């Protein structure tokens, strides 16, 4: 079995957690702007997981496509 460096494993675990939490919070949010923010946060984590760590994610192409849109790229939590 190949073991990851502890810091790398921690960073990957944090990205997976960010994806899960962002998804859960977004689903329970009624405010459209907040939903967009949480979706963007999820997309960013998916992109980082795939591009920085080589871990494929089923939503990677959607994340890339959506993050090119201003509403996701500039999303903020107000």
PDB file of N, CA and C in Angstrom:
ATOM      1  N   UNK A   1       0.825  -1.164   0.000  1.00  0.00           N
ATOM      2  CA  UNK A   1       0.000   0.000   0.000  1.00  0.00           C
ATOM      3  C   UNK A   1       0.883   1.246   0.000  1.00  0.00           C
ATOM      4  N   UNK A   2       0.508   2.222  -0.817  1.00  0.00           N
ATOM      5  CA  UNK A   2       1.242   3.482  -0.871  1.00  0.00           C
ATOM      6  C   UNK A   2       0.619   4.432   0.139  1.00  0.00           C
ATOM      7  N   UNK A   3       1.460   5.030   0.965  1.00  0.00           N
ATOM      8  CA  UNK A   3       0.968   5.984   1.957  1.00  0.00           C
ATOM      9  C   UNK A   3       1.333   7.394   1.527  1.00  0.00           C
ATOM     10  N   UNK A   4       0.392   8.284   1.728  1.00  0.00           N
ATOM     11  CA  UNK A   4       0.616   9.690   1.426  1.00  0.00           C
ATOM     12  C   UNK A   4       1.341  10.361   2.577  1.00  0.00           C
ATOM     13  N   UNK A   5       2.046  11.424   2.254  1.00  0.00           N
ATOM     14  CA  UNK A   5       2.628  12.254   3.300  1.00  0.00           C
ATOM     15  C   UNK A   5       1.461  12.770   4.149  1.00  0.00           C
ATOM     16  N   UNK A   6       1.612  12.829   5.458  1.00  0.00           N
ATOM     17  CA  UNK A   6       0.512  13.246   6.327  1.00  0.00           C
ATOM     18  C   UNK A   6      -0.113  14.590   5.951  1.00  0.00           C
ATOM     19  N   UNK A   7       0.709  15.541   5.528  1.00  0.00           N
ATOM     20  CA  UNK A   7       0.170  16.852   5.136  1.00  0.00           C
ATOM     21  C   UNK A   7      -0.667  16.743   3.860  1.00  0.00           C
ATOM     22  N   UNK A   8      -0.211  15.934   2.916  1.00  0.00           N
ATOM     23  CA  UNK A   8      -0.964  15.722   1.683  1.00  0.00           C
ATOM     24  C   UNK A   8      -2.288  15.047   1.985  1.00  0.00           C
ATOM     25  N   UNK A   9      -2.250  14.038   2.818  1.00  0.00           N
ATOM     26  CA  UNK A   9      -3.483  13.336   3.198  1.00  0.00           C
ATOM     27  C   UNK A   9      -4.458  14.285   3.882  1.00  0.00           C
ATOM     28  N   UNK A  10      -3.933  15.151   4.744  1.00  0.00           N
ATOM     29  CA  UNK A  10      -4.771  16.123   5.446  1.00  0.00           C
ATOM     30  C   UNK A  10      -5.417  17.107   4.458  1.00  0.00           C
ATOM     31  N   UNK A  11      -4.646  17.581   3.479  1.00  0.00           N
ATOM     32  CA  UNK A  11      -5.170  18.516   2.479  1.00  0.00           C
ATOM     33  C   UNK A  11      -6.258  17.860   1.618  1.00  0.00           C
ATOM     34  N   UNK A  12      -6.046  16.622   1.230  1.00  0.00           N
ATOM     35  CA  UNK A  12      -7.046  15.898   0.430  1.00  0.00           C
ATOM     36  C   UNK A  12      -8.314  15.680   1.259  1.00  0.00           C
ATOM     37  N   UNK A  13      -8.154  15.276   2.501  1.00  0.00           N
ATOM     38  CA  UNK A  13      -9.311  15.073   3.378  1.00  0.00           C
ATOM     39  C   UNK A  13     -10.093  16.370   3.558  1.00  0.00           C
ATOM     40  N   UNK A  14      -9.392  17.488   3.675  1.00  0.00           N
ATOM     41  CA  UNK A  14     -10.051  18.782   3.839  1.00  0.00           C
ATOM     42  C   UNK A  14     -10.845  19.153   2.584  1.00  0.00           C
ATOM     43  N   UNK A  15     -10.288  18.874   1.416  1.00  0.00           N
ATOM     44  CA  UNK A  15     -11.011  19.155   0.162  1.00  0.00           C
ATOM     45  C   UNK A  15     -12.274  18.309   0.059  1.00  0.00           C
ATOM     46  N   UNK A  16     -12.174  17.044   0.418  1.00  0.00           N
ATOM     47  CA  UNK A  16     -13.351  16.167   0.388  1.00  0.00           C
ATOM     48  C   UNK A  16     -14.401  16.680   1.373  1.00  0.00           C
ATOM     49  N   UNK A  17     -13.954  17.107   2.532  1.00  0.00           N
ATOM     50  CA  UNK A  17     -14.859  17.676   3.521  1.00  0.00           C
ATOM     51  C   UNK A  17     -15.506  18.959   2.990  1.00  0.00           C
ATOM     52  N   UNK A  18     -14.717  19.820   2.355  1.00  0.00           N
ATOM     53  CA  UNK A  18     -15.251  21.058   1.780  1.00  0.00           C
ATOM     54  C   UNK A  18     -16.335  20.766   0.741  1.00  0.00           C
ATOM     55  N   UNK A  19     -16.108  19.753  -0.079  1.00  0.00           N
ATOM     56  CA  UNK A  19     -17.096  19.364  -1.098  1.00  0.00           C
ATOM     57  C   UNK A  19     -18.387  18.921  -0.424  1.00  0.00           C
ATOM     58  N   UNK A  20     -18.263  18.063   0.565  1.00  0.00           N
ATOM     59  CA  UNK A  20     -19.443  17.529   1.262  1.00  0.00           C
ATOM     60  C   UNK A  20     -20.207  18.626   1.999  1.00  0.00           C
ATOM     61  N   UNK A  21     -19.500  19.442   2.764  1.00  0.00           N
ATOM     62  CA  UNK A  21     -20.151  20.489   3.552  1.00  0.00           C
ATOM     63  C   UNK A  21     -20.792  21.534   2.635  1.00  0.00           C
ATOM     64  N   UNK A  22     -20.084  21.948   1.609  1.00  0.00           N
ATOM     65  CA  UNK A  22     -20.633  22.938   0.675  1.00  0.00           C
ATOM     66  C   UNK A  22     -21.910  22.423   0.033  1.00  0.00           C
ATOM     67  N   UNK A  23     -21.909  21.167  -0.336  1.00  0.00           N
ATOM     68  CA  UNK A  23     -23.079  20.551  -0.953  1.00  0.00           C
ATOM     69  C   UNK A  23     -24.258  20.537   0.025  1.00  0.00           C
ATOM     70  N   UNK A  24     -24.014  20.146   1.252  1.00  0.00           N
ATOM     71  CA  UNK A  24     -25.078  20.092   2.255  1.00  0.00           C
ATOM     72  C   UNK A  24     -25.638  21.477   2.579  1.00  0.00           C
ATOM     73  N   UNK A  25     -24.757  22.442   2.786  1.00  0.00           N
ATOM     74  CA  UNK A  25     -25.205  23.801   3.117  1.00  0.00           C
ATOM     75  C   UNK A  25     -25.986  24.390   1.948  1.00  0.00           C
ATOM     76  N   UNK A  26     -25.494  24.192   0.743  1.00  0.00           N
ATOM     77  CA  UNK A  26     -26.155  24.725  -0.454  1.00  0.00           C
ATOM     78  C   UNK A  26     -27.563  24.176  -0.592  1.00  0.00           C
ATOM     79  N   UNK A  27     -27.742  22.908  -0.328  1.00  0.00           N
ATOM     80  CA  UNK A  27     -29.058  22.288  -0.486  1.00  0.00           C
ATOM     81  C   UNK A  27     -30.076  22.828   0.506  1.00  0.00           C
ATOM     82  N   UNK A  28     -29.610  23.263   1.674  1.00  0.00           N
ATOM     83  CA  UNK A  28     -30.521  23.779   2.697  1.00  0.00           C
ATOM     84  C   UNK A  28     -30.700  25.296   2.629  1.00  0.00           C
ATOM     85  N   UNK A  29     -30.030  25.954   1.701  1.00  0.00           N
ATOM     86  CA  UNK A  29     -30.056  27.411   1.606  1.00  0.00           C
ATOM     87  C   UNK A  29     -31.162  27.872   0.664  1.00  0.00           C
ATOM     88  N   UNK A  30     -31.920  28.870   1.095  1.00  0.00           N
ATOM     89  CA  UNK A  30     -32.985  29.431   0.260  1.00  0.00           C
ATOM     90  C   UNK A  30     -32.535  30.656  -0.527  1.00  0.00           C
ATOM     91  N   UNK A  31     -31.541  31.372  -0.032  1.00  0.00           N
ATOM     92  CA  UNK A  31     -31.038  32.579  -0.690  1.00  0.00           C
ATOM     93  C   UNK A  31     -30.200  32.178  -1.906  1.00  0.00           C
ATOM     94  N   UNK A  32     -30.587  32.668  -3.073  1.00  0.00           N
ATOM     95  CA  UNK A  32     -29.917  32.297  -4.330  1.00  0.00           C
ATOM     96  C   UNK A  32     -28.444  32.679  -4.321  1.00  0.00           C
ATOM     97  N   UNK A  33     -28.113  33.865  -3.820  1.00  0.00           N
ATOM     98  CA  UNK A  33     -26.713  34.298  -3.799  1.00  0.00           C
ATOM     99  C   UNK A  33     -25.857  33.412  -2.899  1.00  0.00           C
ATOM    100  N   UNK A  34     -26.424  32.986  -1.785  1.00  0.00           N
ATOM    101  CA  UNK A  34     -25.686  32.095  -0.889  1.00  0.00           C
ATOM    102  C   UNK A  34     -25.538  30.708  -1.515  1.00  0.00           C
ATOM    103  N   UNK A  35     -26.546  30.269  -2.233  1.00  0.00           N
ATOM    104  CA  UNK A  35     -26.451  28.978  -2.928  1.00  0.00           C
ATOM    105  C   UNK A  35     -25.325  29.009  -3.966  1.00  0.00           C
ATOM    106  N   UNK A  36     -25.240  30.121  -4.681  1.00  0.00           N
ATOM    107  CA  UNK A  36     -24.179  30.271  -5.691  1.00  0.00           C
ATOM    108  C   UNK A  36     -22.810  30.257  -5.021  1.00  0.00           C
ATOM    109  N   UNK A  37     -22.673  30.946  -3.891  1.00  0.00           N
ATOM    110  CA  UNK A  37     -21.405  30.955  -3.161  1.00  0.00           C
ATOM    111  C   UNK A  37     -20.990  29.535  -2.767  1.00  0.00           C
ATOM    112  N   UNK A  38     -21.916  28.786  -2.170  1.00  0.00           N
ATOM    113  CA  UNK A  38     -21.592  27.435  -1.711  1.00  0.00           C
ATOM    114  C   UNK A  38     -21.327  26.494  -2.879  1.00  0.00           C
ATOM    115  N   UNK A  39     -22.005  26.728  -3.991  1.00  0.00           N
ATOM    116  CA  UNK A  39     -21.732  25.924  -5.182  1.00  0.00           C
ATOM    117  C   UNK A  39     -20.318  26.227  -5.693  1.00  0.00           C
ATOM    118  N   UNK A  40     -19.959  27.504  -5.719  1.00  0.00           N
ATOM    119  CA  UNK A  40     -18.617  27.904  -6.164  1.00  0.00           C
ATOM    120  C   UNK A  40     -17.543  27.309  -5.256  1.00  0.00           C
ATOM    121  N   UNK A  41     -17.791  27.313  -3.958  1.00  0.00           N
ATOM    122  CA  UNK A  41     -16.830  26.730  -3.009  1.00  0.00           C
ATOM    123  C   UNK A  41     -16.649  25.236  -3.281  1.00  0.00           C
ATOM    124  N   UNK A  42     -17.754  24.573  -3.560  1.00  0.00           N
ATOM    125  CA  UNK A  42     -17.708  23.154  -3.906  1.00  0.00           C
ATOM    126  C   UNK A  42     -16.925  22.942  -5.204  1.00  0.00           C
ATOM    127  N   UNK A  43     -17.212  23.756  -6.212  1.00  0.00           N
ATOM    128  CA  UNK A  43     -16.512  23.648  -7.496  1.00  0.00           C
ATOM    129  C   UNK A  43     -15.009  23.856  -7.331  1.00  0.00           C
ATOM    130  N   UNK A  44     -14.622  24.846  -6.541  1.00  0.00           N
ATOM    131  CA  UNK A  44     -13.194  25.129  -6.335  1.00  0.00           C
ATOM    132  C   UNK A  44     -12.483  23.926  -5.702  1.00  0.00           C
ATOM    133  N   UNK A  45     -13.138  23.303  -4.742  1.00  0.00           N
ATOM    134  CA  UNK A  45     -12.544  22.130  -4.088  1.00  0.00           C
ATOM    135  C   UNK A  45     -12.427  20.962  -5.065  1.00  0.00           C
ATOM    136  N   UNK A  46     -13.436  20.780  -5.905  1.00  0.00           N
ATOM    137  CA  UNK A  46     -13.406  19.711  -6.913  1.00  0.00           C
ATOM    138  C   UNK A  46     -12.255  19.932  -7.887  1.00  0.00           C
ATOM    139  N   UNK A  47     -12.096  21.166  -8.334  1.00  0.00           N
ATOM    140  CA  UNK A  47     -11.024  21.496  -9.279  1.00  0.00           C
ATOM    141  C   UNK A  47      -9.656  21.254  -8.638  1.00  0.00           C
ATOM    142  N   UNK A  48      -9.476  21.707  -7.419  1.00  0.00           N
ATOM    143  CA  UNK A  48      -8.193  21.525  -6.724  1.00  0.00           C
ATOM    144  C   UNK A  48      -7.896  20.037  -6.502  1.00  0.00           C
ATOM    145  N   UNK A  49      -8.902  19.289  -6.096  1.00  0.00           N
ATOM    146  CA  UNK A  49      -8.736  17.854  -5.875  1.00  0.00           C
ATOM    147  C   UNK A  49      -8.264  17.164  -7.152  1.00  0.00           C
ATOM    148  N   UNK A  50      -8.859  17.538  -8.274  1.00  0.00           N
ATOM    149  CA  UNK A  50      -8.525  16.908  -9.551  1.00  0.00           C
ATOM    150  C   UNK A  50      -7.188  17.403 -10.105  1.00  0.00           C
ATOM    151  N   UNK A  51      -7.000  18.726 -10.129  1.00  0.00           N
ATOM    152  CA  UNK A  51      -5.805  19.287 -10.764  1.00  0.00           C
ATOM    153  C   UNK A  51      -4.550  19.182  -9.907  1.00  0.00           C
ATOM    154  N   UNK A  52      -4.682  19.396  -8.616  1.00  0.00           N
ATOM    155  CA  UNK A  52      -3.493  19.384  -7.748  1.00  0.00           C
ATOM    156  C   UNK A  52      -3.116  17.992  -7.266  1.00  0.00           C
ATOM    157  N   UNK A  53      -4.109  17.107  -7.107  1.00  0.00           N
ATOM    158  CA  UNK A  53      -3.830  15.793  -6.535  1.00  0.00           C
ATOM    159  C   UNK A  53      -4.115  14.639  -7.484  1.00  0.00           C
ATOM    160  N   UNK A  54      -4.636  14.939  -8.671  1.00  0.00           N
ATOM    161  CA  UNK A  54      -4.883  13.892  -9.658  1.00  0.00           C
ATOM    162  C   UNK A  54      -5.995  12.933  -9.290  1.00  0.00           C
ATOM    163  N   UNK A  55      -6.880  13.374  -8.408  1.00  0.00           N
ATOM    164  CA  UNK A  55      -8.010  12.536  -7.999  1.00  0.00           C
ATOM    165  C   UNK A  55      -9.221  12.956  -8.825  1.00  0.00           C
ATOM    166  N   UNK A  56      -9.667  12.105  -9.722  1.00  0.00           N
ATOM    167  CA  UNK A  56     -10.775  12.485 -10.599  1.00  0.00           C
ATOM    168  C   UNK A  56     -12.087  12.631  -9.829  1.00  0.00           C
ATOM    169  N   UNK A  57     -12.896  13.556 -10.271  1.00  0.00           N
ATOM    170  CA  UNK A  57     -14.216  13.764  -9.675  1.00  0.00           C
ATOM    171  C   UNK A  57     -15.222  13.848 -10.809  1.00  0.00           C
ATOM    172  N   UNK A  58     -16.362  13.215 -10.620  1.00  0.00           N
ATOM    173  CA  UNK A  58     -17.385  13.147 -11.665  1.00  0.00           C
ATOM    174  C   UNK A  58     -17.874  14.536 -12.091  1.00  0.00           C
ATOM    175  N   UNK A  59     -17.800  15.529 -11.217  1.00  0.00           N
ATOM    176  CA  UNK A  59     -18.301  16.874 -11.532  1.00  0.00           C
ATOM    177  C   UNK A  59     -17.207  17.842 -11.979  1.00  0.00           C
ATOM    178  N   UNK A  60     -16.017  17.324 -12.283  1.00  0.00           N
ATOM    179  CA  UNK A  60     -14.901  18.195 -12.663  1.00  0.00           C
ATOM    180  C   UNK A  60     -15.226  19.066 -13.877  1.00  0.00           C
ATOM    181  N   UNK A  61     -15.749  18.475 -14.959  1.00  0.00           N
ATOM    182  CA  UNK A  61     -16.021  19.292 -16.160  1.00  0.00           C
ATOM    183  C   UNK A  61     -17.070  20.350 -15.880  1.00  0.00           C
ATOM    184  N   UNK A  62     -18.079  19.995 -15.087  1.00  0.00           N
ATOM    185  CA  UNK A  62     -19.105  20.977 -14.731  1.00  0.00           C
ATOM    186  C   UNK A  62     -18.486  22.098 -13.888  1.00  0.00           C
ATOM    187  N   UNK A  63     -17.608  21.736 -12.967  1.00  0.00           N
ATOM    188  CA  UNK A  63     -16.948  22.732 -12.123  1.00  0.00           C
ATOM    189  C   UNK A  63     -16.127  23.701 -12.959  1.00  0.00           C
ATOM    190  N   UNK A  64     -15.377  23.182 -13.918  1.00  0.00           N
ATOM    191  CA  UNK A  64     -14.571  24.038 -14.799  1.00  0.00           C
ATOM    192  C   UNK A  64     -15.474  24.969 -15.601  1.00  0.00           C
ATOM    193  N   UNK A  65     -16.510  24.401 -16.175  1.00  0.00           N
ATOM    194  CA  UNK A  65     -17.446  25.174 -17.001  1.00  0.00           C
ATOM    195  C   UNK A  65     -18.119  26.284 -16.187  1.00  0.00           C
ATOM    196  N   UNK A  66     -18.587  25.953 -15.006  1.00  0.00           N
ATOM    197  CA  UNK A  66     -19.303  26.929 -14.180  1.00  0.00           C
ATOM    198  C   UNK A  66     -18.379  28.011 -13.619  1.00  0.00           C
ATOM    199  N   UNK A  67     -17.156  27.639 -13.244  1.00  0.00           N
ATOM    200  CA  UNK A  67     -16.246  28.631 -12.660  1.00  0.00           C
ATOM    201  C   UNK A  67     -15.765  29.654 -13.682  1.00  0.00           C
ATOM    202  N   UNK A  68     -16.037  29.430 -14.959  1.00  0.00           N
ATOM    203  CA  UNK A  68     -15.732  30.426 -15.991  1.00  0.00           C
ATOM    204  C   UNK A  68     -16.794  31.522 -16.029  1.00  0.00           C
ATOM    205  N   UNK A  69     -17.921  31.274 -15.381  1.00  0.00           N
ATOM    206  CA  UNK A  69     -19.008  32.250 -15.337  1.00  0.00           C
ATOM    207  C   UNK A  69     -18.776  33.219 -14.180  1.00  0.00           C
ATOM    208  N   UNK A  70     -19.017  34.502 -14.453  1.00  0.00           N
ATOM    209  CA  UNK A  70     -18.791  35.533 -13.439  1.00  0.00           C
ATOM    210  C   UNK A  70     -19.550  35.281 -12.143  1.00  0.00           C
ATOM    211  N   UNK A  71     -20.773  34.790 -12.253  1.00  0.00           N
ATOM    212  CA  UNK A  71     -21.576  34.619 -11.028  1.00  0.00           C
ATOM    213  C   UNK A  71     -20.951  33.622 -10.053  1.00  0.00           C
ATOM    214  N   UNK A  72     -20.220  32.650 -10.555  1.00  0.00           N
ATOM    215  CA  UNK A  72     -19.518  31.701  -9.683  1.00  0.00           C
ATOM    216  C   UNK A  72     -18.120  32.201  -9.342  1.00  0.00           C
ATOM    217  N   UNK A  73     -17.419  32.717 -10.323  1.00  0.00           N
ATOM    218  CA  UNK A  73     -16.047  33.176 -10.118  1.00  0.00           C
ATOM    219  C   UNK A  73     -15.967  34.317  -9.098  1.00  0.00           C
ATOM    220  N   UNK A  74     -17.007  35.137  -9.060  1.00  0.00           N
ATOM    221  CA  UNK A  74     -17.004  36.300  -8.157  1.00  0.00           C
ATOM    222  C   UNK A  74     -17.955  36.145  -6.971  1.00  0.00           C
ATOM    223  N   UNK A  75     -18.401  34.931  -6.710  1.00  0.00           N
ATOM    224  CA  UNK A  75     -19.362  34.707  -5.634  1.00  0.00           C
ATOM    225  C   UNK A  75     -18.750  35.013  -4.265  1.00  0.00           C
ATOM    226  N   UNK A  76     -19.515  35.725  -3.441  1.00  0.00           N
ATOM    227  CA  UNK A  76     -19.087  36.029  -2.081  1.00  0.00           C
ATOM    228  C   UNK A  76     -20.240  35.742  -1.131  1.00  0.00           C
ATOM    229  N   UNK A  77     -19.899  35.490   0.100  1.00  0.00           N
ATOM    230  CA  UNK A  77     -20.896  35.233   1.134  1.00  0.00           C
ATOM    231  C   UNK A  77     -21.126  36.538   1.882  1.00  0.00           C
ATOM    232  N   UNK A  78     -22.306  37.068   1.727  1.00  0.00           N
ATOM    233  CA  UNK A  78     -22.616  38.362   2.365  1.00  0.00           C
ATOM    234  C   UNK A  78     -23.547  38.135   3.534  1.00  0.00           C
TER     235      UNK A  78
END
